[in-house]
Amino acid sequence: MGELEELYDRHGDDVAFFVVYIREAHPEDGWVLEDNRDDGIELVDPTTLAERAAAAQACALRLRTRIPMLLDDLDDAVASAYGGWPDRLYLIGRDGRVAFGGEVGPFGFKPEELAAAIDVELRYSKR
């Protein structure tokens, strides 16, 4: 989250940043990562919005993010619409269009590409 936090610090007055918490990628009753076990992360796949909210809060605390977090509903509408699973970076322009869509994360995260897209979008919106 370090590079995203830097972008948030640099552009937070001009760009609304959000983390959208979607379906749990590595629940105890699914595909468990050994790294999660090593870090003491043990989450079941939430079946209620309250459980998803609790998992999102735990995630935000563990990541120590200051970026506001939103929840996808249990129907996973946001993840389905944006192909967010397992995770993805997006920039939505002021006109509602997708101004940048990153590759599948976390290995496809390229904050420098998002930073360049933000710069273009801010120049575009000042015209």
N, C-alpha and C. Protein backbone atom coordinates (compact mmCIF):
# COMPACT_ATOMS: atom_id res chain seq x y z
N MET A 1 0.83 -1.20 0.00
CA MET A 1 0.00 0.00 0.00
C MET A 1 0.86 1.25 0.00
N GLY A 2 2.15 1.11 0.22
CA GLY A 2 3.02 2.27 0.34
C GLY A 2 2.94 3.24 -0.82
N GLU A 3 3.05 2.72 -2.05
CA GLU A 3 3.02 3.60 -3.22
C GLU A 3 1.63 4.20 -3.42
N LEU A 4 0.58 3.44 -3.10
CA LEU A 4 -0.77 4.00 -3.21
C LEU A 4 -0.99 5.08 -2.16
N GLU A 5 -0.45 4.88 -0.97
CA GLU A 5 -0.56 5.90 0.08
C GLU A 5 0.16 7.18 -0.36
N GLU A 6 1.30 7.03 -1.04
CA GLU A 6 2.02 8.20 -1.55
C GLU A 6 1.18 8.95 -2.58
N LEU A 7 0.52 8.21 -3.48
CA LEU A 7 -0.37 8.85 -4.45
C LEU A 7 -1.53 9.55 -3.75
N TYR A 8 -2.06 8.91 -2.74
CA TYR A 8 -3.14 9.50 -1.94
C TYR A 8 -2.67 10.80 -1.30
N ASP A 9 -1.48 10.80 -0.74
CA ASP A 9 -0.94 12.01 -0.13
C ASP A 9 -0.72 13.11 -1.16
N ARG A 10 -0.24 12.73 -2.34
CA ARG A 10 0.08 13.71 -3.38
C ARG A 10 -1.17 14.27 -4.06
N HIS A 11 -2.17 13.42 -4.29
CA HIS A 11 -3.33 13.83 -5.10
C HIS A 11 -4.66 13.80 -4.35
N GLY A 12 -4.63 13.56 -3.05
CA GLY A 12 -5.87 13.39 -2.28
C GLY A 12 -6.79 14.59 -2.29
N ASP A 13 -6.28 15.78 -2.56
CA ASP A 13 -7.14 16.97 -2.64
C ASP A 13 -7.85 17.07 -3.98
N ASP A 14 -7.33 16.37 -4.99
CA ASP A 14 -7.89 16.48 -6.34
C ASP A 14 -8.56 15.20 -6.84
N VAL A 15 -8.25 14.08 -6.20
CA VAL A 15 -8.76 12.78 -6.64
C VAL A 15 -9.37 12.08 -5.43
N ALA A 16 -10.57 11.53 -5.59
CA ALA A 16 -11.19 10.75 -4.51
C ALA A 16 -10.65 9.34 -4.58
N PHE A 17 -9.92 8.93 -3.56
CA PHE A 17 -9.33 7.60 -3.48
C PHE A 17 -10.21 6.72 -2.61
N PHE A 18 -10.41 5.47 -3.04
CA PHE A 18 -11.14 4.49 -2.25
C PHE A 18 -10.53 3.12 -2.48
N VAL A 19 -10.54 2.32 -1.45
CA VAL A 19 -10.28 0.90 -1.55
C VAL A 19 -11.66 0.26 -1.47
N VAL A 20 -11.97 -0.62 -2.41
CA VAL A 20 -13.24 -1.33 -2.38
C VAL A 20 -12.95 -2.76 -1.96
N TYR A 21 -13.47 -3.12 -0.78
CA TYR A 21 -13.26 -4.48 -0.28
C TYR A 21 -14.28 -5.39 -0.93
N ILE A 22 -13.77 -6.40 -1.65
CA ILE A 22 -14.64 -7.35 -2.35
C ILE A 22 -14.56 -8.71 -1.65
N ARG A 23 -14.99 -9.72 -2.30
CA ARG A 23 -14.97 -11.09 -1.76
C ARG A 23 -13.59 -11.44 -1.23
N GLU A 24 -13.58 -12.14 -0.09
CA GLU A 24 -12.32 -12.57 0.51
C GLU A 24 -11.62 -13.55 -0.42
N ALA A 25 -10.38 -13.25 -0.79
CA ALA A 25 -9.65 -14.06 -1.76
C ALA A 25 -9.13 -15.37 -1.17
N HIS A 26 -8.82 -15.37 0.13
CA HIS A 26 -8.18 -16.54 0.72
C HIS A 26 -8.84 -16.94 2.04
N PRO A 27 -10.13 -17.32 1.97
CA PRO A 27 -10.82 -17.70 3.22
C PRO A 27 -10.36 -19.06 3.72
N GLU A 28 -10.60 -19.30 4.99
CA GLU A 28 -10.24 -20.57 5.61
C GLU A 28 -10.95 -21.74 4.95
N ASP A 29 -12.14 -21.49 4.41
CA ASP A 29 -12.89 -22.56 3.77
C ASP A 29 -12.68 -22.57 2.25
N GLY A 30 -11.56 -22.01 1.82
CA GLY A 30 -11.23 -21.94 0.40
C GLY A 30 -9.73 -22.12 0.18
N TRP A 31 -9.16 -21.24 -0.63
CA TRP A 31 -7.75 -21.30 -0.98
C TRP A 31 -6.95 -20.52 0.07
N VAL A 32 -6.33 -21.22 1.00
CA VAL A 32 -5.59 -20.59 2.10
C VAL A 32 -4.13 -20.43 1.68
N LEU A 33 -3.59 -19.25 1.91
CA LEU A 33 -2.18 -19.00 1.64
C LEU A 33 -1.35 -19.24 2.90
N GLU A 34 -0.22 -19.88 2.73
CA GLU A 34 0.67 -20.13 3.86
C GLU A 34 1.14 -18.81 4.48
N ASP A 35 1.36 -17.78 3.65
CA ASP A 35 1.76 -16.46 4.17
C ASP A 35 0.71 -15.91 5.13
N ASN A 36 -0.57 -16.12 4.79
CA ASN A 36 -1.64 -15.67 5.69
C ASN A 36 -1.53 -16.38 7.03
N ARG A 37 -1.32 -17.67 6.99
CA ARG A 37 -1.18 -18.43 8.24
C ARG A 37 -0.01 -17.91 9.05
N ASP A 38 1.12 -17.66 8.36
CA ASP A 38 2.32 -17.15 9.04
C ASP A 38 2.05 -15.80 9.69
N ASP A 39 1.18 -14.99 9.06
CA ASP A 39 0.85 -13.66 9.57
C ASP A 39 -0.33 -13.66 10.53
N GLY A 40 -0.88 -14.86 10.81
CA GLY A 40 -2.00 -14.96 11.74
C GLY A 40 -3.32 -14.49 11.15
N ILE A 41 -3.44 -14.52 9.83
CA ILE A 41 -4.68 -14.10 9.16
C ILE A 41 -5.51 -15.35 8.91
N GLU A 42 -6.66 -15.42 9.57
CA GLU A 42 -7.57 -16.55 9.39
C GLU A 42 -8.99 -16.01 9.30
N LEU A 43 -9.49 -15.89 8.07
CA LEU A 43 -10.84 -15.37 7.84
C LEU A 43 -11.69 -16.40 7.13
N VAL A 44 -12.92 -16.54 7.58
CA VAL A 44 -13.88 -17.35 6.82
C VAL A 44 -14.52 -16.44 5.79
N ASP A 45 -15.06 -17.03 4.74
CA ASP A 45 -15.71 -16.24 3.71
C ASP A 45 -16.99 -15.64 4.31
N PRO A 46 -17.08 -14.31 4.38
CA PRO A 46 -18.25 -13.69 5.00
C PRO A 46 -19.55 -14.07 4.29
N THR A 47 -20.59 -14.31 5.08
CA THR A 47 -21.91 -14.63 4.52
C THR A 47 -22.92 -13.52 4.78
N THR A 48 -22.50 -12.50 5.56
CA THR A 48 -23.36 -11.34 5.80
C THR A 48 -22.55 -10.09 5.54
N LEU A 49 -23.24 -8.98 5.31
CA LEU A 49 -22.55 -7.72 5.09
C LEU A 49 -21.79 -7.29 6.35
N ALA A 50 -22.34 -7.59 7.52
CA ALA A 50 -21.65 -7.26 8.77
C ALA A 50 -20.33 -8.03 8.88
N GLU A 51 -20.32 -9.30 8.50
CA GLU A 51 -19.09 -10.09 8.52
C GLU A 51 -18.08 -9.54 7.51
N ARG A 52 -18.58 -9.13 6.33
CA ARG A 52 -17.69 -8.56 5.32
C ARG A 52 -17.11 -7.24 5.83
N ALA A 53 -17.92 -6.45 6.50
CA ALA A 53 -17.45 -5.18 7.06
C ALA A 53 -16.36 -5.42 8.10
N ALA A 54 -16.54 -6.44 8.93
CA ALA A 54 -15.54 -6.76 9.95
C ALA A 54 -14.23 -7.21 9.29
N ALA A 55 -14.33 -8.01 8.24
CA ALA A 55 -13.13 -8.46 7.52
C ALA A 55 -12.44 -7.27 6.86
N ALA A 56 -13.21 -6.36 6.29
CA ALA A 56 -12.64 -5.16 5.66
C ALA A 56 -11.94 -4.29 6.69
N GLN A 57 -12.55 -4.15 7.85
CA GLN A 57 -11.93 -3.34 8.90
C GLN A 57 -10.61 -3.97 9.36
N ALA A 58 -10.60 -5.28 9.51
CA ALA A 58 -9.37 -5.98 9.90
C ALA A 58 -8.30 -5.79 8.83
N CYS A 59 -8.70 -5.84 7.58
CA CYS A 59 -7.77 -5.64 6.46
C CYS A 59 -7.19 -4.22 6.50
N ALA A 60 -8.05 -3.22 6.68
CA ALA A 60 -7.60 -1.83 6.72
C ALA A 60 -6.63 -1.60 7.88
N LEU A 61 -6.92 -2.20 9.02
CA LEU A 61 -6.03 -2.04 10.18
C LEU A 61 -4.69 -2.72 9.94
N ARG A 62 -4.74 -3.92 9.37
CA ARG A 62 -3.50 -4.66 9.12
C ARG A 62 -2.64 -3.93 8.08
N LEU A 63 -3.28 -3.36 7.06
CA LEU A 63 -2.53 -2.65 6.02
C LEU A 63 -2.15 -1.23 6.45
N ARG A 64 -2.75 -0.77 7.55
CA ARG A 64 -2.51 0.58 8.06
C ARG A 64 -2.77 1.64 6.99
N THR A 65 -3.84 1.45 6.25
CA THR A 65 -4.17 2.39 5.19
C THR A 65 -5.00 3.54 5.73
N ARG A 66 -4.76 4.71 5.18
CA ARG A 66 -5.57 5.89 5.49
C ARG A 66 -6.59 6.14 4.38
N ILE A 67 -6.48 5.37 3.30
CA ILE A 67 -7.41 5.52 2.18
C ILE A 67 -8.76 4.96 2.62
N PRO A 68 -9.84 5.73 2.43
CA PRO A 68 -11.16 5.25 2.85
C PRO A 68 -11.52 3.93 2.15
N MET A 69 -12.20 3.06 2.89
CA MET A 69 -12.57 1.76 2.36
C MET A 69 -14.09 1.66 2.21
N LEU A 70 -14.50 1.16 1.06
CA LEU A 70 -15.91 0.89 0.77
C LEU A 70 -16.10 -0.62 0.68
N LEU A 71 -17.34 -1.07 0.83
CA LEU A 71 -17.65 -2.50 0.74
C LEU A 71 -18.43 -2.81 -0.52
N ASP A 72 -18.03 -3.86 -1.20
CA ASP A 72 -18.86 -4.43 -2.24
C ASP A 72 -19.96 -5.21 -1.52
N ASP A 73 -21.15 -5.24 -2.09
CA ASP A 73 -22.25 -5.98 -1.47
C ASP A 73 -22.00 -7.48 -1.65
N LEU A 74 -22.79 -8.29 -0.99
CA LEU A 74 -22.60 -9.74 -1.04
C LEU A 74 -22.85 -10.32 -2.42
N ASP A 75 -23.53 -9.56 -3.30
CA ASP A 75 -23.72 -10.04 -4.67
C ASP A 75 -22.48 -9.79 -5.54
N ASP A 76 -21.47 -9.15 -4.96
CA ASP A 76 -20.19 -8.90 -5.64
C ASP A 76 -20.36 -8.10 -6.93
N ALA A 77 -21.29 -7.16 -6.94
CA ALA A 77 -21.58 -6.37 -8.14
C ALA A 77 -20.38 -5.56 -8.61
N VAL A 78 -19.65 -4.95 -7.69
CA VAL A 78 -18.49 -4.13 -8.09
C VAL A 78 -17.39 -5.02 -8.65
N ALA A 79 -17.09 -6.12 -7.96
CA ALA A 79 -16.07 -7.04 -8.44
C ALA A 79 -16.43 -7.58 -9.82
N SER A 80 -17.72 -7.89 -10.03
CA SER A 80 -18.16 -8.40 -11.33
C SER A 80 -18.06 -7.35 -12.42
N ALA A 81 -18.47 -6.13 -12.11
CA ALA A 81 -18.47 -5.06 -13.11
C ALA A 81 -17.06 -4.64 -13.52
N TYR A 82 -16.14 -4.65 -12.55
CA TYR A 82 -14.80 -4.14 -12.82
C TYR A 82 -13.73 -5.22 -12.88
N GLY A 83 -14.12 -6.48 -12.78
CA GLY A 83 -13.12 -7.54 -12.82
C GLY A 83 -12.11 -7.36 -11.70
N GLY A 84 -12.60 -7.03 -10.51
CA GLY A 84 -11.74 -6.66 -9.41
C GLY A 84 -11.04 -7.80 -8.71
N TRP A 85 -11.41 -9.05 -8.99
CA TRP A 85 -10.82 -10.15 -8.24
C TRP A 85 -9.52 -10.59 -8.89
N PRO A 86 -8.42 -10.84 -8.21
CA PRO A 86 -8.30 -10.67 -6.78
C PRO A 86 -8.16 -9.21 -6.37
N ASP A 87 -7.49 -8.40 -7.17
CA ASP A 87 -7.46 -6.98 -6.89
C ASP A 87 -6.99 -6.23 -8.13
N ARG A 88 -7.38 -4.97 -8.20
CA ARG A 88 -7.15 -4.20 -9.40
C ARG A 88 -7.11 -2.72 -9.04
N LEU A 89 -6.38 -1.94 -9.81
CA LEU A 89 -6.36 -0.48 -9.66
C LEU A 89 -7.17 0.14 -10.79
N TYR A 90 -8.05 1.07 -10.45
CA TYR A 90 -8.83 1.79 -11.44
C TYR A 90 -8.81 3.28 -11.14
N LEU A 91 -8.93 4.06 -12.21
CA LEU A 91 -9.14 5.50 -12.10
C LEU A 91 -10.38 5.80 -12.92
N ILE A 92 -11.38 6.35 -12.26
CA ILE A 92 -12.62 6.75 -12.94
C ILE A 92 -12.56 8.26 -13.13
N GLY A 93 -12.73 8.69 -14.38
CA GLY A 93 -12.67 10.12 -14.68
C GLY A 93 -13.89 10.85 -14.16
N ARG A 94 -13.78 12.16 -14.10
CA ARG A 94 -14.91 12.98 -13.63
C ARG A 94 -16.15 12.78 -14.49
N ASP A 95 -15.95 12.36 -15.74
CA ASP A 95 -17.07 12.13 -16.64
C ASP A 95 -17.64 10.72 -16.52
N GLY A 96 -17.12 9.92 -15.58
CA GLY A 96 -17.64 8.59 -15.34
C GLY A 96 -17.00 7.48 -16.15
N ARG A 97 -16.10 7.83 -17.06
CA ARG A 97 -15.46 6.78 -17.87
C ARG A 97 -14.28 6.19 -17.10
N VAL A 98 -13.90 4.97 -17.46
CA VAL A 98 -12.71 4.36 -16.87
C VAL A 98 -11.50 4.99 -17.57
N ALA A 99 -10.77 5.82 -16.83
CA ALA A 99 -9.61 6.52 -17.39
C ALA A 99 -8.35 5.65 -17.30
N PHE A 100 -8.36 4.69 -16.39
CA PHE A 100 -7.23 3.76 -16.25
C PHE A 100 -7.75 2.48 -15.62
N GLY A 101 -7.35 1.36 -16.17
CA GLY A 101 -7.64 0.06 -15.59
C GLY A 101 -6.36 -0.74 -15.53
N GLY A 102 -5.91 -1.06 -14.34
CA GLY A 102 -4.66 -1.79 -14.16
C GLY A 102 -4.82 -3.27 -14.40
N GLU A 103 -3.70 -3.95 -14.42
CA GLU A 103 -3.68 -5.40 -14.58
C GLU A 103 -4.03 -6.06 -13.25
N VAL A 104 -4.28 -7.37 -13.30
CA VAL A 104 -4.62 -8.13 -12.11
C VAL A 104 -3.49 -8.03 -11.09
N GLY A 105 -3.84 -7.67 -9.86
CA GLY A 105 -2.86 -7.54 -8.79
C GLY A 105 -2.75 -8.83 -8.00
N PRO A 106 -1.87 -8.86 -7.10
CA PRO A 106 -0.97 -7.77 -6.74
C PRO A 106 0.22 -7.64 -7.66
N PHE A 107 0.52 -8.67 -8.46
CA PHE A 107 1.71 -8.61 -9.31
C PHE A 107 1.55 -7.64 -10.47
N GLY A 108 0.32 -7.33 -10.83
CA GLY A 108 0.06 -6.39 -11.92
C GLY A 108 -0.05 -4.95 -11.46
N PHE A 109 0.12 -4.71 -10.16
CA PHE A 109 0.06 -3.34 -9.65
C PHE A 109 1.24 -2.56 -10.19
N LYS A 110 0.93 -1.47 -10.87
CA LYS A 110 1.97 -0.59 -11.38
C LYS A 110 1.56 0.83 -11.02
N PRO A 111 1.80 1.21 -9.75
CA PRO A 111 1.38 2.54 -9.30
C PRO A 111 1.91 3.67 -10.16
N GLU A 112 3.07 3.47 -10.80
CA GLU A 112 3.60 4.51 -11.67
C GLU A 112 2.70 4.74 -12.88
N GLU A 113 2.05 3.69 -13.37
CA GLU A 113 1.09 3.84 -14.47
C GLU A 113 -0.16 4.56 -13.99
N LEU A 114 -0.62 4.24 -12.80
CA LEU A 114 -1.76 4.95 -12.22
C LEU A 114 -1.41 6.41 -12.01
N ALA A 115 -0.20 6.70 -11.53
CA ALA A 115 0.23 8.09 -11.31
C ALA A 115 0.21 8.86 -12.63
N ALA A 116 0.71 8.25 -13.71
CA ALA A 116 0.70 8.91 -15.02
C ALA A 116 -0.73 9.16 -15.48
N ALA A 117 -1.62 8.20 -15.26
CA ALA A 117 -3.03 8.37 -15.65
C ALA A 117 -3.69 9.48 -14.84
N ILE A 118 -3.35 9.58 -13.56
CA ILE A 118 -3.90 10.66 -12.73
C ILE A 118 -3.44 12.01 -13.29
N ASP A 119 -2.15 12.12 -13.62
CA ASP A 119 -1.63 13.38 -14.18
C ASP A 119 -2.37 13.76 -15.46
N VAL A 120 -2.58 12.79 -16.35
CA VAL A 120 -3.31 13.05 -17.60
C VAL A 120 -4.74 13.47 -17.29
N GLU A 121 -5.40 12.76 -16.40
CA GLU A 121 -6.79 13.06 -16.07
C GLU A 121 -6.93 14.45 -15.44
N LEU A 122 -6.00 14.82 -14.58
CA LEU A 122 -6.06 16.15 -13.96
C LEU A 122 -5.83 17.24 -15.00
N ARG A 123 -4.91 17.02 -15.93
CA ARG A 123 -4.72 18.00 -17.02
C ARG A 123 -5.96 18.09 -17.90
N TYR A 124 -6.56 16.93 -18.22
CA TYR A 124 -7.75 16.85 -19.05
C TYR A 124 -8.93 17.58 -18.39
N SER A 125 -9.07 17.41 -17.10
CA SER A 125 -10.22 17.99 -16.41
C SER A 125 -10.10 19.50 -16.21
N LYS A 126 -8.89 20.05 -16.38
CA LYS A 126 -8.69 21.49 -16.22
C LYS A 126 -8.93 22.26 -17.50
N ARG A 127 -9.20 21.55 -18.59
CA ARG A 127 -9.46 22.21 -19.88
C ARG A 127 -10.79 22.88 -19.90
